Amino acid sequence: MEFGWILVKINRISAWMLLIFMIIFLISGYAWWNDVLLPLRTARAMHTELDLFLVFFFLVHALISIRFSLARWRVGHGQIVNLLLIATGIGAFWFVLSIR
């Protein structure tokens, strides 16, 4: 099985998960602000607890897409670019966890 094909599948799954979590995030934020659609406690819990999933799927989707773009443009050496993108993703997620 080819590694690029697996990355394409992961990228598509992360895009769909990102869409789902973004809709939940918007609805829970609206419900929290206007006290409609959901009970206040549920809306606040969903909005504040699901943000890590949103950030995770955003990073996975964005970093894989950046890798594909850099490969199309023939920028950098493959393994170095992969390591830099993985390090960027881990660093960004760690930063989000540290400010949370």
PDB file of N, CA and C in Angstrom:
ATOM      1  N   MET A   1       0.842  -1.178   0.000  1.00  0.00           N
ATOM      2  CA  MET A   1       0.000   0.000   0.000  1.00  0.00           C
ATOM      3  C   MET A   1       0.893   1.250   0.000  1.00  0.00           C
ATOM      4  N   GLU A   2       0.534   2.199  -0.806  1.00  0.00           N
ATOM      5  CA  GLU A   2       1.348   3.395  -0.962  1.00  0.00           C
ATOM      6  C   GLU A   2       1.062   4.398   0.156  1.00  0.00           C
ATOM      7  N   PHE A   3       2.127   5.042   0.634  1.00  0.00           N
ATOM      8  CA  PHE A   3       2.018   5.988   1.744  1.00  0.00           C
ATOM      9  C   PHE A   3       1.192   7.218   1.362  1.00  0.00           C
ATOM     10  N   GLY A   4       1.328   7.703   0.132  1.00  0.00           N
ATOM     11  CA  GLY A   4       0.575   8.870  -0.322  1.00  0.00           C
ATOM     12  C   GLY A   4      -0.916   8.629  -0.324  1.00  0.00           C
ATOM     13  N   TRP A   5      -1.323   7.397  -0.698  1.00  0.00           N
ATOM     14  CA  TRP A   5      -2.733   7.045  -0.710  1.00  0.00           C
ATOM     15  C   TRP A   5      -3.311   7.070   0.704  1.00  0.00           C
ATOM     16  N   ILE A   6      -2.528   6.594   1.673  1.00  0.00           N
ATOM     17  CA  ILE A   6      -2.968   6.607   3.071  1.00  0.00           C
ATOM     18  C   ILE A   6      -3.122   8.047   3.557  1.00  0.00           C
ATOM     19  N   LEU A   7      -2.172   8.911   3.195  1.00  0.00           N
ATOM     20  CA  LEU A   7      -2.278  10.316   3.589  1.00  0.00           C
ATOM     21  C   LEU A   7      -3.495  10.994   2.978  1.00  0.00           C
ATOM     22  N   VAL A   8      -3.832  10.650   1.741  1.00  0.00           N
ATOM     23  CA  VAL A   8      -5.030  11.210   1.111  1.00  0.00           C
ATOM     24  C   VAL A   8      -6.272  10.797   1.893  1.00  0.00           C
ATOM     25  N   LYS A   9      -6.350   9.532   2.284  1.00  0.00           N
ATOM     26  CA  LYS A   9      -7.506   9.053   3.058  1.00  0.00           C
ATOM     27  C   LYS A   9      -7.582   9.737   4.422  1.00  0.00           C
ATOM     28  N   ILE A  10      -6.440   9.859   5.103  1.00  0.00           N
ATOM     29  CA  ILE A  10      -6.416  10.542   6.403  1.00  0.00           C
ATOM     30  C   ILE A  10      -6.826  11.995   6.233  1.00  0.00           C
ATOM     31  N   ASN A  11      -6.373  12.635   5.163  1.00  0.00           N
ATOM     32  CA  ASN A  11      -6.710  14.029   4.909  1.00  0.00           C
ATOM     33  C   ASN A  11      -8.217  14.195   4.696  1.00  0.00           C
ATOM     34  N   ARG A  12      -8.815  13.285   3.943  1.00  0.00           N
ATOM     35  CA  ARG A  12     -10.261  13.367   3.705  1.00  0.00           C
ATOM     36  C   ARG A  12     -11.060  13.107   4.975  1.00  0.00           C
ATOM     37  N   ILE A  13     -10.643  12.114   5.746  1.00  0.00           N
ATOM     38  CA  ILE A  13     -11.333  11.832   7.010  1.00  0.00           C
ATOM     39  C   ILE A  13     -11.211  13.017   7.956  1.00  0.00           C
ATOM     40  N   SER A  14     -10.025  13.604   8.035  1.00  0.00           N
ATOM     41  CA  SER A  14      -9.841  14.753   8.928  1.00  0.00           C
ATOM     42  C   SER A  14     -10.657  15.950   8.452  1.00  0.00           C
ATOM     43  N   ALA A  15     -10.829  16.104   7.132  1.00  0.00           N
ATOM     44  CA  ALA A  15     -11.662  17.201   6.619  1.00  0.00           C
ATOM     45  C   ALA A  15     -13.114  17.007   7.031  1.00  0.00           C
ATOM     46  N   TRP A  16     -13.623  15.788   6.928  1.00  0.00           N
ATOM     47  CA  TRP A  16     -15.003  15.532   7.337  1.00  0.00           C
ATOM     48  C   TRP A  16     -15.182  15.700   8.843  1.00  0.00           C
ATOM     49  N   MET A  17     -14.217  15.219   9.618  1.00  0.00           N
ATOM     50  CA  MET A  17     -14.292  15.392  11.071  1.00  0.00           C
ATOM     51  C   MET A  17     -14.218  16.866  11.448  1.00  0.00           C
ATOM     52  N   LEU A  18     -13.379  17.605  10.737  1.00  0.00           N
ATOM     53  CA  LEU A  18     -13.273  19.042  10.969  1.00  0.00           C
ATOM     54  C   LEU A  18     -14.603  19.732  10.682  1.00  0.00           C
ATOM     55  N   LEU A  19     -15.267  19.340   9.618  1.00  0.00           N
ATOM     56  CA  LEU A  19     -16.568  19.916   9.299  1.00  0.00           C
ATOM     57  C   LEU A  19     -17.587  19.609  10.395  1.00  0.00           C
ATOM     58  N   ILE A  20     -17.617  18.375  10.857  1.00  0.00           N
ATOM     59  CA  ILE A  20     -18.555  17.984  11.912  1.00  0.00           C
ATOM     60  C   ILE A  20     -18.289  18.772  13.191  1.00  0.00           C
ATOM     61  N   PHE A  21     -17.027  18.830  13.606  1.00  0.00           N
ATOM     62  CA  PHE A  21     -16.707  19.545  14.843  1.00  0.00           C
ATOM     63  C   PHE A  21     -16.916  21.051  14.703  1.00  0.00           C
ATOM     64  N   MET A  22     -16.714  21.586  13.510  1.00  0.00           N
ATOM     65  CA  MET A  22     -16.946  23.016  13.293  1.00  0.00           C
ATOM     66  C   MET A  22     -18.436  23.344  13.418  1.00  0.00           C
ATOM     67  N   ILE A  23     -19.293  22.489  12.881  1.00  0.00           N
ATOM     68  CA  ILE A  23     -20.738  22.696  13.016  1.00  0.00           C
ATOM     69  C   ILE A  23     -21.154  22.610  14.475  1.00  0.00           C
ATOM     70  N   ILE A  24     -20.646  21.605  15.181  1.00  0.00           N
ATOM     71  CA  ILE A  24     -20.953  21.474  16.614  1.00  0.00           C
ATOM     72  C   ILE A  24     -20.453  22.695  17.376  1.00  0.00           C
ATOM     73  N   PHE A  25     -19.259  23.154  17.049  1.00  0.00           N
ATOM     74  CA  PHE A  25     -18.663  24.306  17.723  1.00  0.00           C
ATOM     75  C   PHE A  25     -19.506  25.564  17.490  1.00  0.00           C
ATOM     76  N   LEU A  26     -19.962  25.772  16.260  1.00  0.00           N
ATOM     77  CA  LEU A  26     -20.784  26.945  15.954  1.00  0.00           C
ATOM     78  C   LEU A  26     -22.145  26.879  16.646  1.00  0.00           C
ATOM     79  N   ILE A  27     -22.785  25.715  16.598  1.00  0.00           N
ATOM     80  CA  ILE A  27     -24.099  25.572  17.237  1.00  0.00           C
ATOM     81  C   ILE A  27     -23.991  25.729  18.748  1.00  0.00           C
ATOM     82  N   SER A  28     -22.981  25.112  19.354  1.00  0.00           N
ATOM     83  CA  SER A  28     -22.843  25.226  20.812  1.00  0.00           C
ATOM     84  C   SER A  28     -22.472  26.646  21.222  1.00  0.00           C
ATOM     85  N   GLY A  29     -21.673  27.337  20.420  1.00  0.00           N
ATOM     86  CA  GLY A  29     -21.348  28.728  20.733  1.00  0.00           C
ATOM     87  C   GLY A  29     -22.564  29.631  20.630  1.00  0.00           C
ATOM     88  N   TYR A  30     -23.371  29.404  19.598  1.00  0.00           N
ATOM     89  CA  TYR A  30     -24.600  30.180  19.442  1.00  0.00           C
ATOM     90  C   TYR A  30     -25.563  29.895  20.589  1.00  0.00           C
ATOM     91  N   ALA A  31     -25.685  28.612  20.945  1.00  0.00           N
ATOM     92  CA  ALA A  31     -26.575  28.243  22.045  1.00  0.00           C
ATOM     93  C   ALA A  31     -26.090  28.800  23.370  1.00  0.00           C
ATOM     94  N   TRP A  32     -24.802  28.832  23.569  1.00  0.00           N
ATOM     95  CA  TRP A  32     -24.235  29.376  24.802  1.00  0.00           C
ATOM     96  C   TRP A  32     -24.482  30.877  24.876  1.00  0.00           C
ATOM     97  N   TRP A  33     -24.333  31.564  23.768  1.00  0.00           N
ATOM     98  CA  TRP A  33     -24.488  33.021  23.745  1.00  0.00           C
ATOM     99  C   TRP A  33     -25.948  33.439  23.890  1.00  0.00           C
ATOM    100  N   ASN A  34     -26.863  32.749  23.185  1.00  0.00           N
ATOM    101  CA  ASN A  34     -28.266  33.167  23.156  1.00  0.00           C
ATOM    102  C   ASN A  34     -29.190  32.330  24.021  1.00  0.00           C
ATOM    103  N   ASP A  35     -28.668  31.301  24.655  1.00  0.00           N
ATOM    104  CA  ASP A  35     -29.445  30.424  25.514  1.00  0.00           C
ATOM    105  C   ASP A  35     -30.635  29.813  24.764  1.00  0.00           C
ATOM    106  N   VAL A  36     -30.373  29.368  23.543  1.00  0.00           N
ATOM    107  CA  VAL A  36     -31.380  28.667  22.738  1.00  0.00           C
ATOM    108  C   VAL A  36     -30.756  27.391  22.186  1.00  0.00           C
ATOM    109  N   LEU A  37     -31.591  26.515  21.669  1.00  0.00           N
ATOM    110  CA  LEU A  37     -31.191  25.250  21.023  1.00  0.00           C
ATOM    111  C   LEU A  37     -30.706  24.189  22.001  1.00  0.00           C
ATOM    112  N   LEU A  38     -29.898  24.547  22.948  1.00  0.00           N
ATOM    113  CA  LEU A  38     -29.330  23.599  23.912  1.00  0.00           C
ATOM    114  C   LEU A  38     -29.404  24.209  25.304  1.00  0.00           C
ATOM    115  N   PRO A  39     -29.448  23.368  26.327  1.00  0.00           N
ATOM    116  CA  PRO A  39     -29.325  23.906  27.683  1.00  0.00           C
ATOM    117  C   PRO A  39     -27.963  24.593  27.852  1.00  0.00           C
ATOM    118  N   LEU A  40     -27.932  25.615  28.674  1.00  0.00           N
ATOM    119  CA  LEU A  40     -26.726  26.425  28.833  1.00  0.00           C
ATOM    120  C   LEU A  40     -25.520  25.588  29.262  1.00  0.00           C
ATOM    121  N   ARG A  41     -25.709  24.713  30.224  1.00  0.00           N
ATOM    122  CA  ARG A  41     -24.595  23.886  30.718  1.00  0.00           C
ATOM    123  C   ARG A  41     -24.066  22.954  29.619  1.00  0.00           C
ATOM    124  N   THR A  42     -24.951  22.363  28.845  1.00  0.00           N
ATOM    125  CA  THR A  42     -24.537  21.474  27.752  1.00  0.00           C
ATOM    126  C   THR A  42     -23.798  22.245  26.675  1.00  0.00           C
ATOM    127  N   ALA A  43     -24.321  23.416  26.309  1.00  0.00           N
ATOM    128  CA  ALA A  43     -23.676  24.230  25.273  1.00  0.00           C
ATOM    129  C   ALA A  43     -22.284  24.660  25.710  1.00  0.00           C
ATOM    130  N   ARG A  44     -22.153  25.093  26.953  1.00  0.00           N
ATOM    131  CA  ARG A  44     -20.848  25.522  27.450  1.00  0.00           C
ATOM    132  C   ARG A  44     -19.865  24.351  27.503  1.00  0.00           C
ATOM    133  N   ALA A  45     -20.326  23.196  27.953  1.00  0.00           N
ATOM    134  CA  ALA A  45     -19.455  22.023  28.029  1.00  0.00           C
ATOM    135  C   ALA A  45     -19.003  21.592  26.636  1.00  0.00           C
ATOM    136  N   MET A  46     -19.930  21.544  25.694  1.00  0.00           N
ATOM    137  CA  MET A  46     -19.563  21.156  24.329  1.00  0.00           C
ATOM    138  C   MET A  46     -18.583  22.147  23.726  1.00  0.00           C
ATOM    139  N   HIS A  47     -18.841  23.423  23.935  1.00  0.00           N
ATOM    140  CA  HIS A  47     -18.013  24.450  23.309  1.00  0.00           C
ATOM    141  C   HIS A  47     -16.602  24.487  23.898  1.00  0.00           C
ATOM    142  N   THR A  48     -16.482  24.236  25.168  1.00  0.00           N
ATOM    143  CA  THR A  48     -15.159  24.331  25.794  1.00  0.00           C
ATOM    144  C   THR A  48     -14.391  23.011  25.800  1.00  0.00           C
ATOM    145  N   GLU A  49     -15.091  21.878  25.715  1.00  0.00           N
ATOM    146  CA  GLU A  49     -14.402  20.588  25.767  1.00  0.00           C
ATOM    147  C   GLU A  49     -14.062  20.026  24.395  1.00  0.00           C
ATOM    148  N   LEU A  50     -14.778  20.418  23.372  1.00  0.00           N
ATOM    149  CA  LEU A  50     -14.535  19.863  22.046  1.00  0.00           C
ATOM    150  C   LEU A  50     -13.531  20.670  21.232  1.00  0.00           C
ATOM    151  N   ASP A  51     -13.019  21.745  21.797  1.00  0.00           N
ATOM    152  CA  ASP A  51     -12.088  22.580  21.037  1.00  0.00           C
ATOM    153  C   ASP A  51     -10.769  21.868  20.730  1.00  0.00           C
ATOM    154  N   LEU A  52     -10.346  20.963  21.601  1.00  0.00           N
ATOM    155  CA  LEU A  52      -9.107  20.227  21.329  1.00  0.00           C
ATOM    156  C   LEU A  52      -9.248  19.313  20.115  1.00  0.00           C
ATOM    157  N   PHE A  53     -10.423  18.708  19.952  1.00  0.00           N
ATOM    158  CA  PHE A  53     -10.654  17.880  18.773  1.00  0.00           C
ATOM    159  C   PHE A  53     -10.640  18.739  17.507  1.00  0.00           C
ATOM    160  N   LEU A  54     -11.227  19.910  17.603  1.00  0.00           N
ATOM    161  CA  LEU A  54     -11.242  20.835  16.467  1.00  0.00           C
ATOM    162  C   LEU A  54      -9.822  21.230  16.074  1.00  0.00           C
ATOM    163  N   VAL A  55      -9.007  21.571  17.046  1.00  0.00           N
ATOM    164  CA  VAL A  55      -7.617  21.945  16.775  1.00  0.00           C
ATOM    165  C   VAL A  55      -6.837  20.758  16.216  1.00  0.00           C
ATOM    166  N   PHE A  56      -7.039  19.571  16.773  1.00  0.00           N
ATOM    167  CA  PHE A  56      -6.325  18.386  16.303  1.00  0.00           C
ATOM    168  C   PHE A  56      -6.635  18.103  14.836  1.00  0.00           C
ATOM    169  N   PHE A  57      -7.924  18.050  14.485  1.00  0.00           N
ATOM    170  CA  PHE A  57      -8.281  17.740  13.102  1.00  0.00           C
ATOM    171  C   PHE A  57      -7.889  18.869  12.156  1.00  0.00           C
ATOM    172  N   PHE A  58      -7.910  20.108  12.624  1.00  0.00           N
ATOM    173  CA  PHE A  58      -7.433  21.208  11.793  1.00  0.00           C
ATOM    174  C   PHE A  58      -5.945  21.043  11.485  1.00  0.00           C
ATOM    175  N   LEU A  59      -5.152  20.733  12.503  1.00  0.00           N
ATOM    176  CA  LEU A  59      -3.708  20.560  12.289  1.00  0.00           C
ATOM    177  C   LEU A  59      -3.416  19.385  11.356  1.00  0.00           C
ATOM    178  N   VAL A  60      -4.096  18.266  11.549  1.00  0.00           N
ATOM    179  CA  VAL A  60      -3.873  17.107  10.684  1.00  0.00           C
ATOM    180  C   VAL A  60      -4.209  17.472   9.241  1.00  0.00           C
ATOM    181  N   HIS A  61      -5.367  18.067   9.025  1.00  0.00           N
ATOM    182  CA  HIS A  61      -5.803  18.414   7.677  1.00  0.00           C
ATOM    183  C   HIS A  61      -4.871  19.455   7.039  1.00  0.00           C
ATOM    184  N   ALA A  62      -4.551  20.482   7.780  1.00  0.00           N
ATOM    185  CA  ALA A  62      -3.719  21.553   7.220  1.00  0.00           C
ATOM    186  C   ALA A  62      -2.301  21.080   6.933  1.00  0.00           C
ATOM    187  N   LEU A  63      -1.699  20.323   7.828  1.00  0.00           N
ATOM    188  CA  LEU A  63      -0.317  19.899   7.630  1.00  0.00           C
ATOM    189  C   LEU A  63      -0.176  18.880   6.503  1.00  0.00           C
ATOM    190  N   ILE A  64      -1.144  17.977   6.357  1.00  0.00           N
ATOM    191  CA  ILE A  64      -1.096  17.045   5.230  1.00  0.00           C
ATOM    192  C   ILE A  64      -1.273  17.805   3.918  1.00  0.00           C
ATOM    193  N   SER A  65      -2.180  18.766   3.898  1.00  0.00           N
ATOM    194  CA  SER A  65      -2.384  19.568   2.685  1.00  0.00           C
ATOM    195  C   SER A  65      -1.138  20.389   2.349  1.00  0.00           C
ATOM    196  N   ILE A  66      -0.477  20.922   3.355  1.00  0.00           N
ATOM    197  CA  ILE A  66       0.773  21.664   3.122  1.00  0.00           C
ATOM    198  C   ILE A  66       1.836  20.723   2.565  1.00  0.00           C
ATOM    199  N   ARG A  67       1.910  19.501   3.082  1.00  0.00           N
ATOM    200  CA  ARG A  67       2.884  18.532   2.569  1.00  0.00           C
ATOM    201  C   ARG A  67       2.640  18.249   1.097  1.00  0.00           C
ATOM    202  N   PHE A  68       1.369  18.037   0.727  1.00  0.00           N
ATOM    203  CA  PHE A  68       1.054  17.782  -0.682  1.00  0.00           C
ATOM    204  C   PHE A  68       1.384  18.986  -1.558  1.00  0.00           C
ATOM    205  N   SER A  69       1.113  20.185  -1.067  1.00  0.00           N
ATOM    206  CA  SER A  69       1.433  21.389  -1.841  1.00  0.00           C
ATOM    207  C   SER A  69       2.934  21.538  -2.033  1.00  0.00           C
ATOM    208  N   LEU A  70       3.703  21.326  -0.983  1.00  0.00           N
ATOM    209  CA  LEU A  70       5.163  21.422  -1.104  1.00  0.00           C
ATOM    210  C   LEU A  70       5.709  20.356  -2.050  1.00  0.00           C
ATOM    211  N   ALA A  71       5.121  19.171  -2.034  1.00  0.00           N
ATOM    212  CA  ALA A  71       5.568  18.120  -2.955  1.00  0.00           C
ATOM    213  C   ALA A  71       5.241  18.493  -4.401  1.00  0.00           C
ATOM    214  N   ARG A  72       4.076  19.088  -4.624  1.00  0.00           N
ATOM    215  CA  ARG A  72       3.720  19.527  -5.979  1.00  0.00           C
ATOM    216  C   ARG A  72       4.671  20.594  -6.487  1.00  0.00           C
ATOM    217  N   TRP A  73       5.081  21.488  -5.597  1.00  0.00           N
ATOM    218  CA  TRP A  73       5.984  22.577  -5.977  1.00  0.00           C
ATOM    219  C   TRP A  73       7.446  22.144  -5.961  1.00  0.00           C
ATOM    220  N   ARG A  74       7.695  20.890  -5.561  1.00  0.00           N
ATOM    221  CA  ARG A  74       9.055  20.335  -5.467  1.00  0.00           C
ATOM    222  C   ARG A  74       9.955  21.178  -4.545  1.00  0.00           C
ATOM    223  N   VAL A  75       9.412  21.482  -3.379  1.00  0.00           N
ATOM    224  CA  VAL A  75      10.139  22.279  -2.395  1.00  0.00           C
ATOM    225  C   VAL A  75      10.712  21.347  -1.336  1.00  0.00           C
ATOM    226  N   GLY A  76      12.017  21.451  -1.088  1.00  0.00           N
ATOM    227  CA  GLY A  76      12.667  20.734   0.002  1.00  0.00           C
ATOM    228  C   GLY A  76      12.825  19.249  -0.253  1.00  0.00           C
ATOM    229  N   HIS A  77      13.548  18.614   0.628  1.00  0.00           N
ATOM    230  CA  HIS A  77      13.747  17.169   0.610  1.00  0.00           C
ATOM    231  C   HIS A  77      12.583  16.519   1.352  1.00  0.00           C
ATOM    232  N   GLY A  78      12.066  15.416   0.843  1.00  0.00           N
ATOM    233  CA  GLY A  78      10.861  14.787   1.383  1.00  0.00           C
ATOM    234  C   GLY A  78      10.902  14.484   2.861  1.00  0.00           C
ATOM    235  N   GLN A  79      11.954  13.831   3.323  1.00  0.00           N
ATOM    236  CA  GLN A  79      12.024  13.436   4.729  1.00  0.00           C
ATOM    237  C   GLN A  79      12.187  14.637   5.657  1.00  0.00           C
ATOM    238  N   ILE A  80      12.953  15.618   5.233  1.00  0.00           N
ATOM    239  CA  ILE A  80      13.140  16.820   6.055  1.00  0.00           C
ATOM    240  C   ILE A  80      11.834  17.585   6.179  1.00  0.00           C
ATOM    241  N   VAL A  81      11.119  17.712   5.071  1.00  0.00           N
ATOM    242  CA  VAL A  81       9.821  18.404   5.091  1.00  0.00           C
ATOM    243  C   VAL A  81       8.844  17.658   5.993  1.00  0.00           C
ATOM    244  N   ASN A  82       8.818  16.329   5.892  1.00  0.00           N
ATOM    245  CA  ASN A  82       7.934  15.535   6.747  1.00  0.00           C
ATOM    246  C   ASN A  82       8.244  15.758   8.221  1.00  0.00           C
ATOM    247  N   LEU A  83       9.515  15.710   8.576  1.00  0.00           N
ATOM    248  CA  LEU A  83       9.899  15.907   9.975  1.00  0.00           C
ATOM    249  C   LEU A  83       9.572  17.314  10.466  1.00  0.00           C
ATOM    250  N   LEU A  84       9.799  18.313   9.622  1.00  0.00           N
ATOM    251  CA  LEU A  84       9.472  19.687  10.013  1.00  0.00           C
ATOM    252  C   LEU A  84       7.970  19.879  10.199  1.00  0.00           C
ATOM    253  N   LEU A  85       7.163  19.269   9.337  1.00  0.00           N
ATOM    254  CA  LEU A  85       5.714  19.391   9.475  1.00  0.00           C
ATOM    255  C   LEU A  85       5.207  18.657  10.708  1.00  0.00           C
ATOM    256  N   ILE A  86       5.756  17.478  10.983  1.00  0.00           N
ATOM    257  CA  ILE A  86       5.364  16.749  12.198  1.00  0.00           C
ATOM    258  C   ILE A  86       5.763  17.544  13.436  1.00  0.00           C
ATOM    259  N   ALA A  87       6.969  18.104  13.439  1.00  0.00           N
ATOM    260  CA  ALA A  87       7.412  18.918  14.573  1.00  0.00           C
ATOM    261  C   ALA A  87       6.538  20.157  14.730  1.00  0.00           C
ATOM    262  N   THR A  88       6.150  20.775  13.627  1.00  0.00           N
ATOM    263  CA  THR A  88       5.265  21.942  13.681  1.00  0.00           C
ATOM    264  C   THR A  88       3.917  21.563  14.267  1.00  0.00           C
ATOM    265  N   GLY A  89       3.367  20.433  13.843  1.00  0.00           N
ATOM    266  CA  GLY A  89       2.077  19.983  14.367  1.00  0.00           C
ATOM    267  C   GLY A  89       2.125  19.679  15.849  1.00  0.00           C
ATOM    268  N   ILE A  90       3.173  18.980  16.278  1.00  0.00           N
ATOM    269  CA  ILE A  90       3.310  18.659  17.707  1.00  0.00           C
ATOM    270  C   ILE A  90       3.511  19.940  18.515  1.00  0.00           C
ATOM    271  N   GLY A  91       4.340  20.844  18.001  1.00  0.00           N
ATOM    272  CA  GLY A  91       4.568  22.105  18.708  1.00  0.00           C
ATOM    273  C   GLY A  91       3.315  22.956  18.802  1.00  0.00           C
ATOM    274  N   ALA A  92       2.542  23.016  17.723  1.00  0.00           N
ATOM    275  CA  ALA A  92       1.310  23.811  17.745  1.00  0.00           C
ATOM    276  C   ALA A  92       0.293  23.207  18.705  1.00  0.00           C
ATOM    277  N   PHE A  93       0.164  21.878  18.698  1.00  0.00           N
ATOM    278  CA  PHE A  93      -0.786  21.242  19.614  1.00  0.00           C
ATOM    279  C   PHE A  93      -0.336  21.404  21.058  1.00  0.00           C
ATOM    280  N   TRP A  94       0.952  21.286  21.305  1.00  0.00           N
ATOM    281  CA  TRP A  94       1.486  21.507  22.660  1.00  0.00           C
ATOM    282  C   TRP A  94       1.206  22.944  23.104  1.00  0.00           C
ATOM    283  N   PHE A  95       1.375  23.914  22.199  1.00  0.00           N
ATOM    284  CA  PHE A  95       1.094  25.307  22.530  1.00  0.00           C
ATOM    285  C   PHE A  95      -0.358  25.512  22.909  1.00  0.00           C
ATOM    286  N   VAL A  96      -1.265  24.892  22.169  1.00  0.00           N
ATOM    287  CA  VAL A  96      -2.698  24.994  22.487  1.00  0.00           C
ATOM    288  C   VAL A  96      -2.978  24.370  23.834  1.00  0.00           C
ATOM    289  N   LEU A  97      -2.382  23.226  24.106  1.00  0.00           N
ATOM    290  CA  LEU A  97      -2.578  22.574  25.417  1.00  0.00           C
ATOM    291  C   LEU A  97      -2.021  23.434  26.547  1.00  0.00           C
ATOM    292  N   SER A  98      -0.907  24.122  26.297  1.00  0.00           N
ATOM    293  CA  SER A  98      -0.290  24.917  27.363  1.00  0.00           C
ATOM    294  C   SER A  98      -1.086  26.176  27.674  1.00  0.00           C
ATOM    295  N   ILE A  99      -1.774  26.753  26.711  1.00  0.00           N
ATOM    296  CA  ILE A  99      -2.553  27.961  26.995  1.00  0.00           C
ATOM    297  C   ILE A  99      -3.968  27.625  27.435  1.00  0.00           C
ATOM    298  N   ARG A 100      -4.338  26.388  27.317  1.00  0.00           N
ATOM    299  CA  ARG A 100      -5.676  25.964  27.727  1.00  0.00           C
ATOM    300  C   ARG A 100      -5.714  25.870  29.211  1.00  0.00           C
TER     301      ARG A 100
END
